[in-house]
N, C-alpha and C. Protein backbone atom coordinates (compact mmCIF):
# COMPACT_ATOMS: atom_id res chain seq x y z
N UNK A 1 -38.97 -55.65 -15.35
CA UNK A 1 -40.54 -55.47 -15.19
C UNK A 1 -40.62 -54.09 -14.63
N UNK A 2 -39.98 -53.46 -13.59
CA UNK A 2 -40.17 -51.74 -13.36
C UNK A 2 -40.06 -50.85 -14.46
N UNK A 3 -38.82 -51.13 -14.89
CA UNK A 3 -38.60 -50.65 -15.93
C UNK A 3 -39.52 -50.12 -17.51
N UNK A 4 -40.10 -50.84 -17.92
CA UNK A 4 -41.25 -51.71 -18.88
C UNK A 4 -42.38 -50.70 -18.27
N UNK A 5 -42.71 -50.52 -16.90
CA UNK A 5 -44.07 -50.57 -15.92
C UNK A 5 -43.76 -48.70 -16.35
N UNK A 6 -42.18 -48.26 -15.82
CA UNK A 6 -42.10 -46.24 -16.16
C UNK A 6 -42.15 -46.01 -17.67
N UNK A 7 -41.79 -47.09 -18.47
CA UNK A 7 -41.99 -46.73 -19.97
C UNK A 7 -43.37 -46.42 -20.57
N UNK A 8 -43.95 -47.17 -19.79
CA UNK A 8 -45.65 -47.24 -20.20
C UNK A 8 -46.16 -45.96 -20.04
N UNK A 9 -45.88 -45.18 -18.86
CA UNK A 9 -46.57 -44.44 -18.09
C UNK A 9 -46.06 -42.92 -18.43
N UNK A 10 -44.49 -42.73 -19.27
CA UNK A 10 -44.00 -41.89 -19.98
C UNK A 10 -44.95 -41.66 -21.68
N UNK A 11 -45.39 -42.82 -22.22
CA UNK A 11 -45.01 -42.41 -23.36
C UNK A 11 -46.84 -42.60 -23.74
N UNK A 12 -48.29 -42.66 -22.60
CA UNK A 12 -49.27 -43.15 -22.21
C UNK A 12 -49.72 -41.71 -23.00
N UNK A 13 -50.89 -41.54 -23.65
CA UNK A 13 -51.41 -40.33 -24.04
C UNK A 13 -53.26 -40.82 -23.17
N UNK A 14 -53.30 -41.58 -23.17
CA UNK A 14 -54.30 -41.86 -22.11
C UNK A 14 -53.66 -42.83 -21.33
N UNK A 15 -54.81 -43.16 -19.93
CA UNK A 15 -54.55 -43.91 -18.92
C UNK A 15 -55.45 -44.55 -18.16
N UNK A 16 -55.56 -45.68 -17.45
CA UNK A 16 -56.65 -45.62 -16.51
C UNK A 16 -56.09 -44.65 -15.45
N UNK A 17 -57.87 -44.80 -15.10
CA UNK A 17 -57.66 -43.93 -14.03
C UNK A 17 -56.94 -44.30 -12.67
N UNK A 18 -57.25 -45.75 -12.08
CA UNK A 18 -56.15 -46.34 -11.79
C UNK A 18 -54.64 -46.62 -11.71
N UNK A 19 -54.17 -46.05 -13.10
CA UNK A 19 -52.45 -45.85 -13.31
C UNK A 19 -52.43 -44.39 -12.59
N UNK A 20 -53.70 -43.51 -13.31
CA UNK A 20 -53.50 -42.51 -12.76
C UNK A 20 -53.04 -41.53 -11.10
N UNK A 21 -54.39 -42.30 -10.74
CA UNK A 21 -53.83 -42.35 -9.07
C UNK A 21 -52.26 -42.34 -8.61
N UNK A 22 -52.11 -43.63 -9.09
CA UNK A 22 -50.26 -44.07 -9.17
C UNK A 22 -49.62 -43.15 -9.39
N UNK A 23 -49.37 -42.65 -10.60
CA UNK A 23 -49.08 -41.53 -10.85
C UNK A 23 -48.35 -40.40 -10.31
N UNK A 24 -49.83 -39.65 -10.50
CA UNK A 24 -49.84 -38.39 -10.14
C UNK A 24 -50.27 -38.49 -8.88
N UNK A 25 -50.70 -39.20 -7.68
CA UNK A 25 -51.02 -39.27 -6.45
C UNK A 25 -52.02 -38.05 -5.94
N UNK A 26 -53.21 -38.70 -7.26
CA UNK A 26 -54.44 -37.77 -7.04
C UNK A 26 -55.61 -39.28 -7.19
N UNK A 27 -56.65 -38.75 -6.17
CA UNK A 27 -57.38 -39.51 -5.69
C UNK A 27 -58.99 -40.28 -7.16
N UNK A 28 -58.99 -41.39 -6.60
CA UNK A 28 -60.05 -41.89 -7.96
C UNK A 28 -61.23 -40.65 -7.70
N UNK A 29 -61.85 -40.65 -6.58
CA UNK A 29 -63.00 -39.75 -6.77
C UNK A 29 -62.59 -37.99 -7.06
N UNK A 30 -61.07 -37.68 -7.21
CA UNK A 30 -61.54 -36.44 -7.49
C UNK A 30 -61.09 -36.07 -8.79
N UNK A 31 -60.20 -37.10 -9.34
CA UNK A 31 -60.37 -37.84 -10.88
C UNK A 31 -61.37 -37.91 -11.43
N UNK A 32 -62.58 -38.43 -11.26
CA UNK A 32 -63.81 -38.40 -11.34
C UNK A 32 -64.89 -36.56 -11.10
N UNK A 33 -64.17 -36.25 -10.28
CA UNK A 33 -64.70 -34.49 -10.08
C UNK A 33 -64.06 -34.10 -11.27
N UNK A 34 -62.68 -33.63 -11.55
CA UNK A 34 -62.47 -33.79 -13.04
C UNK A 34 -62.84 -33.45 -13.98
N UNK A 35 -63.42 -34.85 -14.21
CA UNK A 35 -64.11 -35.53 -15.55
C UNK A 35 -65.33 -35.04 -15.77
N UNK A 36 -65.88 -34.89 -14.64
CA UNK A 36 -67.19 -33.92 -14.36
C UNK A 36 -67.63 -32.50 -14.54
N UNK A 37 -65.98 -32.00 -13.83
CA UNK A 37 -66.41 -30.89 -13.83
C UNK A 37 -65.93 -30.30 -15.46
N UNK A 38 -65.30 -31.08 -16.60
CA UNK A 38 -64.55 -31.00 -17.51
C UNK A 38 -63.53 -29.91 -17.49
N UNK A 39 -62.80 -30.61 -16.13
CA UNK A 39 -61.23 -30.02 -16.29
C UNK A 39 -60.45 -31.30 -16.76
N UNK A 40 -60.84 -32.45 -16.70
CA UNK A 40 -60.15 -33.75 -17.28
C UNK A 40 -61.01 -34.01 -18.53
N UNK A 41 -60.09 -34.60 -19.45
CA UNK A 41 -60.66 -34.92 -20.40
C UNK A 41 -60.71 -36.29 -20.21
N UNK A 42 -61.82 -37.01 -20.12
CA UNK A 42 -62.27 -39.18 -19.88
C UNK A 42 -62.93 -39.45 -21.05
N UNK A 43 -62.26 -40.54 -20.67
CA UNK A 43 -63.60 -41.80 -21.67
C UNK A 43 -63.97 -42.71 -20.99
N UNK A 44 -65.39 -43.06 -21.23
CA UNK A 44 -65.65 -44.62 -20.78
C UNK A 44 -65.26 -45.54 -21.69
N UNK A 45 -65.08 -46.48 -22.09
CA UNK A 45 -65.24 -47.46 -22.64
C UNK A 45 -66.05 -48.47 -22.16
N UNK A 46 -67.37 -48.96 -22.88
CA UNK A 46 -67.59 -49.51 -22.84
C UNK A 46 -68.24 -50.83 -23.76
N UNK A 47 -68.29 -51.82 -23.54
CA UNK A 47 -68.50 -52.95 -24.94
C UNK A 47 -70.07 -53.01 -24.73
N UNK A 48 -70.55 -53.05 -26.13
CA UNK A 48 -72.02 -53.55 -25.91
C UNK A 48 -72.43 -54.61 -25.13
N UNK A 49 -73.93 -54.47 -24.69
CA UNK A 49 -74.26 -55.40 -23.62
C UNK A 49 -73.42 -55.51 -22.12
N UNK A 50 -72.43 -54.87 -21.91
CA UNK A 50 -71.77 -54.76 -21.19
C UNK A 50 -72.40 -53.53 -20.08
N UNK A 51 -72.31 -53.50 -18.58
CA UNK A 51 -72.72 -52.46 -17.11
C UNK A 51 -71.19 -52.24 -16.97
N UNK A 52 -69.99 -52.86 -17.24
CA UNK A 52 -69.26 -52.35 -16.57
C UNK A 52 -68.53 -52.18 -17.43
N UNK A 53 -67.99 -50.88 -17.60
CA UNK A 53 -66.29 -50.74 -18.19
C UNK A 53 -64.65 -50.17 -17.96
N UNK A 54 -64.28 -49.40 -18.59
CA UNK A 54 -63.39 -48.90 -17.76
C UNK A 54 -63.05 -47.05 -18.63
N UNK A 55 -62.71 -46.18 -17.26
CA UNK A 55 -62.24 -44.89 -17.72
C UNK A 55 -60.67 -44.71 -17.95
N UNK A 56 -60.86 -44.04 -18.76
CA UNK A 56 -59.34 -43.11 -19.22
C UNK A 56 -59.59 -41.91 -19.05
N UNK A 57 -58.56 -41.52 -18.89
CA UNK A 57 -58.01 -39.65 -18.83
C UNK A 57 -56.76 -39.35 -19.58
N UNK A 58 -56.95 -37.94 -20.04
CA UNK A 58 -55.87 -38.07 -20.88
C UNK A 58 -55.10 -37.34 -20.02
N UNK A 59 -53.63 -38.06 -20.34
CA UNK A 59 -52.08 -37.62 -19.31
C UNK A 59 -52.11 -36.18 -19.51
N UNK A 60 -51.95 -35.63 -20.63
CA UNK A 60 -51.86 -33.97 -20.75
C UNK A 60 -52.84 -33.10 -19.96
N UNK A 61 -54.36 -33.65 -20.28
CA UNK A 61 -55.45 -32.74 -19.11
C UNK A 61 -55.12 -33.54 -17.34
N UNK A 62 -54.15 -33.90 -16.91
CA UNK A 62 -53.68 -34.08 -16.17
C UNK A 62 -52.94 -33.06 -15.35
N UNK A 63 -51.95 -33.15 -16.49
CA UNK A 63 -51.24 -32.52 -16.43
C UNK A 63 -51.10 -30.81 -16.09
N UNK A 64 -51.96 -30.68 -17.00
CA UNK A 64 -52.62 -29.06 -17.00
C UNK A 64 -52.95 -28.56 -15.68
N UNK A 65 -54.19 -29.79 -14.95
CA UNK A 65 -55.09 -29.61 -13.93
C UNK A 65 -53.81 -29.40 -12.77
N UNK A 66 -52.77 -30.36 -13.11
CA UNK A 66 -51.83 -30.01 -12.20
C UNK A 66 -51.18 -28.76 -11.90
N UNK A 67 -50.77 -28.69 -13.08
CA UNK A 67 -50.24 -27.15 -13.22
C UNK A 67 -50.81 -25.90 -12.37
N UNK A 68 -52.22 -25.74 -12.93
CA UNK A 68 -53.25 -24.97 -12.34
C UNK A 68 -53.32 -25.04 -10.55
N UNK A 69 -52.86 -25.76 -10.38
CA UNK A 69 -52.57 -25.31 -9.07
C UNK A 69 -51.09 -24.76 -7.96
N UNK A 70 -50.42 -24.63 -9.41
CA UNK A 70 -49.02 -23.77 -8.91
C UNK A 70 -48.99 -22.76 -9.20
N UNK A 71 -48.31 -22.14 -8.88
CA UNK A 71 -47.90 -20.45 -8.63
C UNK A 71 -48.06 -19.95 -10.26
N UNK A 72 -48.95 -19.02 -10.48
CA UNK A 72 -49.22 -18.71 -12.07
C UNK A 72 -50.35 -19.21 -12.28
N UNK A 73 -51.07 -20.66 -12.03
CA UNK A 73 -52.06 -21.75 -12.76
C UNK A 73 -53.26 -20.38 -12.20
N UNK A 74 -54.42 -20.59 -13.11
CA UNK A 74 -55.35 -19.97 -12.38
C UNK A 74 -56.58 -20.62 -11.25
N UNK A 75 -55.82 -21.64 -10.40
CA UNK A 75 -56.50 -21.85 -9.16
C UNK A 75 -55.58 -21.93 -8.35
N UNK A 76 -54.66 -21.69 -8.63
CA UNK A 76 -53.82 -20.90 -7.25
C UNK A 76 -53.47 -19.63 -6.58
N UNK A 77 -54.02 -20.55 -5.35
CA UNK A 77 -54.75 -19.56 -4.06
C UNK A 77 -53.10 -18.64 -3.03
N UNK A 78 -53.05 -17.62 -2.94
CA UNK A 78 -52.09 -17.37 -2.41
C UNK A 78 -52.66 -17.30 -0.99
N UNK A 79 -51.88 -18.15 -0.17
CA UNK A 79 -52.18 -17.60 1.11
C UNK A 79 -52.46 -16.41 1.81
N UNK A 80 -53.09 -16.37 2.72
CA UNK A 80 -53.44 -15.18 3.52
C UNK A 80 -52.42 -14.75 4.20
N UNK A 81 -51.64 -13.48 4.56
CA UNK A 81 -50.75 -12.96 4.87
C UNK A 81 -51.29 -14.10 6.61
N UNK A 82 -50.03 -14.11 7.64
CA UNK A 82 -50.26 -14.29 8.84
C UNK A 82 -49.91 -13.15 9.84
N UNK A 83 -50.94 -13.28 11.13
CA UNK A 83 -50.41 -12.66 12.11
C UNK A 83 -50.08 -12.68 13.37
N UNK A 84 -48.61 -11.96 13.60
CA UNK A 84 -48.06 -12.87 15.13
C UNK A 84 -49.34 -12.91 15.80
N UNK A 85 -49.06 -14.42 16.42
CA UNK A 85 -50.12 -14.36 17.38
C UNK A 85 -49.41 -14.15 19.36
N UNK A 86 -50.13 -13.47 19.52
CA UNK A 86 -49.34 -13.42 21.22
C UNK A 86 -48.80 -14.39 22.14
N UNK A 87 -48.28 -14.46 22.57
CA UNK A 87 -48.79 -16.18 23.24
C UNK A 87 -48.82 -16.16 25.34
N UNK A 88 -49.47 -16.16 25.53
CA UNK A 88 -50.19 -16.15 27.30
C UNK A 88 -49.35 -17.21 27.67
N UNK A 89 -48.82 -16.78 29.20
CA UNK A 89 -48.18 -17.66 29.98
C UNK A 89 -48.96 -17.77 30.86
C-alpha cells in the first residue's frame, strides 16, 4: 500500500493540493497564493451544476517554485552579515 502511494507521487504530472501539501510540506494557503500570483500552475476542476470541485497543481511548477528559493534561484535572499554582539555582565 505505501509503495503504491509513493509510486503515484513519482509519476503524477498533476496532483491534488492535499497531496502537494504532504509531498512538499507547503501549506495549502501558500499553494493557493502561488496559484493566484501565477508562480504555480493550478487548475480547478468543477462539474457542471456543482459548487465544489477539486484543485490540482502541476508537480513541475511546485518543484520549480521550491528551486527558486535555493541558492542561485531568483527568490534566494542572502542573509545579511552578522555583527558580533557585545556581551555585558
